[in-house]
């Protein structure tokens, strides 16, 4: 049985570099030339390892999510839901302005950069953003069941509100807002917490 040629590049390093290109340029703005140059590979190697640009983007999204999922689980796992949402907003401000990374959020910026002919990318980004909102909604449902939120509190609307604030923070970060400014936005958003 014939075997293909072994890869002569580091997959993790290549994905990190592709992630950076997608984050800075968006899905459509990132050309194959940009990607292969940053990854230090040729187009046949990209296709052999990832299938196509869409496959590479999805793997880059997985990599991006891996770095953030632990923070979200930790924030939403604290004893009091309000403290968890406060940690989520504070942590979002931190992640969006982290030195050495592009400003903003790939999930938010990627949706704006994926036109109609990239509907599969838009669908994937929407799915991932919806999953994040669902995590918040489930935590808020639990808070209502435990009496931390009033019985009449709408956990779905509240989750959508906090998600919208975080996505707005991502847009602000991409436009140059500082961590301090974004933290202030998060503190202001917490005033909407139902008493």
Protein backbone atom coordinates (compact mmCIF):
# COMPACT_ATOMS: atom_id res chain seq x y z
CA UNK A 1 0.00 0.00 0.00
CA UNK A 2 1.46 3.36 -1.01
CA UNK A 3 1.73 6.05 1.61
CA UNK A 4 1.67 9.78 1.00
CA UNK A 5 4.61 11.99 1.68
CA UNK A 6 4.99 12.94 5.32
CA UNK A 7 4.19 16.51 6.30
CA UNK A 8 7.28 18.59 6.75
CA UNK A 9 5.65 21.39 8.71
CA UNK A 10 4.31 21.84 12.23
CA UNK A 11 0.48 21.72 12.06
CA UNK A 12 -0.04 23.68 15.28
CA UNK A 13 2.31 26.43 14.21
CA UNK A 14 0.75 26.55 10.74
CA UNK A 15 -2.74 26.82 12.24
CA UNK A 16 -1.65 29.61 14.59
CA UNK A 17 -0.27 31.53 11.64
CA UNK A 18 -3.40 30.94 9.54
CA UNK A 19 -5.54 32.03 12.48
CA UNK A 20 -3.62 35.29 12.68
CA UNK A 21 -4.14 35.95 8.96
CA UNK A 22 -7.88 35.21 9.14
CA UNK A 23 -8.24 37.32 12.27
CA UNK A 24 -6.51 40.31 10.71
CA UNK A 25 -7.96 40.03 7.19
CA UNK A 26 -11.22 38.11 7.57
CA UNK A 27 -12.20 35.00 5.66
CA UNK A 28 -12.59 36.64 2.27
CA UNK A 29 -9.72 39.09 2.72
CA UNK A 30 -7.25 36.29 3.43
CA UNK A 31 -5.94 35.05 0.09
CA UNK A 32 -4.38 31.65 -0.43
CA UNK A 33 -1.12 33.44 -1.09
CA UNK A 34 -1.42 35.27 2.28
CA UNK A 35 -2.15 32.02 4.06
CA UNK A 36 0.53 29.83 2.48
CA UNK A 37 3.14 32.54 2.90
CA UNK A 38 2.32 33.02 6.59
CA UNK A 39 2.13 29.26 7.18
CA UNK A 40 5.40 28.61 5.35
CA UNK A 41 3.84 25.98 3.08
CA UNK A 42 2.82 25.65 -0.56
CA UNK A 43 -0.78 25.39 -1.83
CA UNK A 44 -0.67 21.60 -2.39
CA UNK A 45 0.39 21.15 1.25
CA UNK A 46 -2.49 23.36 2.40
CA UNK A 47 -4.98 21.33 0.37
CA UNK A 48 -3.51 18.02 1.51
CA UNK A 49 -3.64 19.00 5.19
CA UNK A 50 -6.88 21.02 5.34
CA UNK A 51 -8.85 20.23 2.19
CA UNK A 52 -9.45 23.83 1.15
CA UNK A 53 -9.60 27.38 2.50
CA UNK A 54 -12.95 26.73 4.19
CA UNK A 55 -11.53 23.67 5.96
CA UNK A 56 -8.52 25.67 7.10
CA UNK A 57 -10.77 28.45 8.38
CA UNK A 58 -12.87 25.98 10.38
CA UNK A 59 -9.72 24.46 11.91
CA UNK A 60 -8.51 27.99 12.74
CA UNK A 61 -11.89 28.70 14.39
CA UNK A 62 -11.46 25.54 16.47
CA UNK A 63 -8.04 26.74 17.55
CA UNK A 64 -9.42 30.19 18.40
CA UNK A 65 -12.27 28.66 20.41
CA UNK A 66 -9.94 26.29 22.32
CA UNK A 67 -8.05 29.27 23.69
CA UNK A 68 -11.27 30.89 24.92
CA UNK A 69 -13.59 28.04 25.96
CA UNK A 70 -11.84 27.46 29.27
CA UNK A 71 -12.25 31.08 30.26
CA UNK A 72 -15.99 30.99 29.46
CA UNK A 73 -16.54 27.72 31.35
CA UNK A 74 -14.66 29.08 34.35
CA UNK A 75 -16.59 32.37 34.35
CA UNK A 76 -19.98 30.71 34.05
CA UNK A 77 -19.03 28.06 36.61
CA UNK A 78 -18.68 30.39 39.60
CA UNK A 79 -21.21 30.06 42.42
CA UNK A 80 -23.18 33.25 41.69
CA UNK A 81 -24.37 33.86 38.13
CA UNK A 82 -23.98 37.64 38.44
CA UNK A 83 -20.33 37.19 39.44
CA UNK A 84 -19.90 34.84 36.50
CA UNK A 85 -21.35 37.30 34.01
CA UNK A 86 -19.18 40.05 35.52
CA UNK A 87 -16.11 37.80 35.05
CA UNK A 88 -17.24 37.06 31.48
CA UNK A 89 -17.50 40.77 30.65
CA UNK A 90 -14.18 41.59 32.32
CA UNK A 91 -12.45 38.64 30.68
CA UNK A 92 -13.90 39.61 27.30
CA UNK A 93 -12.39 43.08 27.66
CA UNK A 94 -9.05 41.45 28.47
CA UNK A 95 -9.11 38.96 25.58
CA UNK A 96 -10.20 41.57 23.04
CA UNK A 97 -7.24 43.79 23.89
CA UNK A 98 -4.58 41.16 24.54
CA UNK A 99 -1.12 42.25 23.48
CA UNK A 100 0.28 40.25 20.59
CA UNK A 101 -3.17 39.37 19.20
CA UNK A 102 -5.28 41.28 16.72
CA UNK A 103 -7.88 43.46 18.45
CA UNK A 104 -11.46 42.25 18.45
CA UNK A 105 -13.07 38.84 18.05
CA UNK A 106 -12.68 36.50 15.09
CA UNK A 107 -16.26 35.20 15.49
CA UNK A 108 -17.67 38.75 15.26
CA UNK A 109 -15.30 40.17 12.66
CA UNK A 110 -15.44 37.04 10.55
CA UNK A 111 -19.20 37.32 10.07
CA UNK A 112 -18.83 40.81 8.63
CA UNK A 113 -16.15 39.64 6.25
CA UNK A 114 -18.04 36.64 4.86
CA UNK A 115 -20.17 37.65 1.90
CA UNK A 116 -23.16 35.85 0.42
CA UNK A 117 -21.03 33.45 -1.62
CA UNK A 118 -19.42 32.32 1.66
CA UNK A 119 -22.73 31.38 3.29
CA UNK A 120 -21.24 28.21 4.79
CA UNK A 121 -18.73 30.37 6.69
CA UNK A 122 -21.48 32.72 7.85
CA UNK A 123 -23.51 29.72 9.02
CA UNK A 124 -20.54 28.30 10.92
CA UNK A 125 -19.81 31.60 12.65
CA UNK A 126 -23.49 32.06 13.52
CA UNK A 127 -23.61 28.54 14.94
CA UNK A 128 -20.59 29.18 17.15
CA UNK A 129 -21.89 32.54 18.37
CA UNK A 130 -25.30 30.96 19.12
CA UNK A 131 -23.58 28.24 21.17
CA UNK A 132 -21.91 30.92 23.29
CA UNK A 133 -25.24 32.65 23.87
CA UNK A 134 -26.83 29.30 24.78
CA UNK A 135 -24.17 28.73 27.47
CA UNK A 136 -25.04 32.07 29.06
CA UNK A 137 -28.80 31.40 28.75
CA UNK A 138 -28.47 27.99 30.45
CA UNK A 139 -26.50 29.53 33.32
CA UNK A 140 -29.12 32.26 33.74
CA UNK A 141 -31.95 29.69 33.69
CA UNK A 142 -30.19 27.90 36.52
CA UNK A 143 -29.79 31.21 38.38
CA UNK A 144 -33.54 31.83 38.07
CA UNK A 145 -34.33 28.29 39.29
CA UNK A 146 -32.02 28.82 42.28
CA UNK A 147 -33.63 32.17 43.15
CA UNK A 148 -30.68 34.35 42.20
CA UNK A 149 -32.78 35.96 39.47
CA UNK A 150 -36.43 36.95 39.97
CA UNK A 151 -38.96 34.34 38.82
CA UNK A 152 -40.14 36.64 36.01
CA UNK A 153 -36.63 37.28 34.63
CA UNK A 154 -36.33 36.37 30.95
CA UNK A 155 -33.11 34.37 30.81
CA UNK A 156 -33.16 34.22 26.98
CA UNK A 157 -33.45 38.01 26.58
CA UNK A 158 -30.87 38.61 29.28
CA UNK A 159 -28.43 36.18 27.62
CA UNK A 160 -28.98 37.87 24.27
CA UNK A 161 -28.39 41.26 25.89
CA UNK A 162 -25.05 40.25 27.44
CA UNK A 163 -24.00 38.52 24.22
CA UNK A 164 -24.84 41.67 22.26
CA UNK A 165 -22.80 43.77 24.68
CA UNK A 166 -19.79 41.45 24.30
CA UNK A 167 -20.09 41.47 20.51
CA UNK A 168 -20.31 45.27 20.61
CA UNK A 169 -17.19 45.32 22.78
CA UNK A 170 -15.46 43.28 20.04
CA UNK A 171 -16.40 45.88 17.44
CA UNK A 172 -15.18 48.67 19.73
CA UNK A 173 -11.90 46.84 20.39
CA UNK A 174 -11.33 46.40 16.65
CA UNK A 175 -11.87 50.15 16.34
CA UNK A 176 -9.23 50.92 18.97
CA UNK A 177 -11.11 51.00 22.30
CA UNK A 178 -8.84 50.38 25.28
CA UNK A 179 -9.23 47.64 27.87
CA UNK A 180 -10.22 50.25 30.44
CA UNK A 181 -12.95 51.59 28.15
CA UNK A 182 -14.28 48.10 27.49
CA UNK A 183 -14.25 47.24 31.20
CA UNK A 184 -16.36 50.35 31.80
CA UNK A 185 -18.84 49.13 29.18
CA UNK A 186 -19.04 45.79 30.99
CA UNK A 187 -19.65 47.48 34.35
CA UNK A 188 -22.41 49.59 32.80
CA UNK A 189 -24.02 46.49 31.26
CA UNK A 190 -24.18 44.79 34.66
CA UNK A 191 -26.58 47.50 35.82
CA UNK A 192 -29.21 45.74 33.71
CA UNK A 193 -29.08 42.75 36.09
CA UNK A 194 -32.64 42.20 37.36
CA UNK A 195 -33.10 42.67 41.09
